[in-house]
Amino acid sequence: MKILRTAKTLMLATIGAALMAGAAAAAYPERPITVVVPWGAGGGTDFTGRLIATVMQKKLGVPVNVVNRTGGQGVVGHSAIANAKPDGYTLGVATVEIVMMHWVGLTDLTYKNYTSIGLYNADPAGVQVAADSPWQDVKSLLADIKANPGKFKGSGTAQGGIWHLALAGMLKTAGIDPNAAPWVPSKGAAPGLKELVAGGVSIVTCSPTEAAPLRDAGKVRILAVMGDERMKAFPDVPTLKEDAGVDWAIGAWRGLTGPAGLPQEVTDKLVATFAEVVKDPDFVDGMNKRGFPIVYKAPADHIEFMKTSDVNMGEVMKAIGLAK
């Protein structure tokens, strides 16, 4: 009888432990979540990351706090996401730089170091020229660059940044030396556009959203967008392929991720919640008001997107001598 009682006690303890484990798994999240933003406060990634955190908090019922981890051209913040404990309580916004940084030797991190929760935004590059320039379309701009290598300069970000690669990739795809339009480094799109208006450079490749105020002021002309389709905010601006027959699409993008190795039940919870976040009226309105296109891709498609982006970035960086 004692043996039977002992066996029964062990069985009940096992069942109890299993039930407690199940309850613990089902309880996620049961404490605050941190979202790491690899870029500074006030920028586009910070704004969209905070918008996501606000909506996720409403849906998950726990605080979702944003922490800016800047430095190293994105390495510091992306490392903080990848190296976090894989328990679902530290997530982060991975940006296009994650498929760029390893090519130039800044880090060994790649998209494989993350668990995708989903892509939520992609800003295609635009081709901007001064309003008083002679170019009305990209086709004529490319013809002039090809005929006069070195004469027309581009700007919009640091050397080797996403907007630099946008210009180099466009030229390469059009069969033109990617260095034919020398790059003038800037601290971002705003100073690059200022230089464009002043006549210091001839082309700025950056998000049309960033160029919109100057276009509205009659100082800048947006010739095309480097996307697969026209942007809803700029329906009158053709794609690069429409305008010049150049099949090159590139832009800045942002996705919600966690470190590699997140438990499947946690991943499933986050993916399902995030699919609701991108449709939430508060998120949609916030993104639309700031001109950020919502481009949602579930994890499998997001991973394939990053894989393709990684290959494309490597090819362009090799072509302009930046890859190590």
Foldseek 3Di string as FASTA:
>chain_A
DVVVVVVVVVVVVVVVVVVVVVVVLVCPPPEEAEEEEADDPPDPSNLLSVLLQVLLCVVNVYHYYYDYQYDLPSPRRVVCQLPDDQALRYKYKDKLCLLQCVQLPSDPGHPQQWQFLKWWFWFFKWKKFWLPDPDQAVQVVLVVLQVQFPPAAEEFAAVSDQFLLVQLVQQVLVVHQSPSHPYDHDHGRVVRVVCRLVPVGGIYIAGVLVVVVCVVVSTMDTHATQAPADAPVCNPHHHNCVGNVRNGIGTMTIGMIGGPPHDPSSSVVSSVSVVVSSVDPSSVVSCVVSVTDTDIDGRVVVVVVSVVSSVSSSVSCVSVVSGD
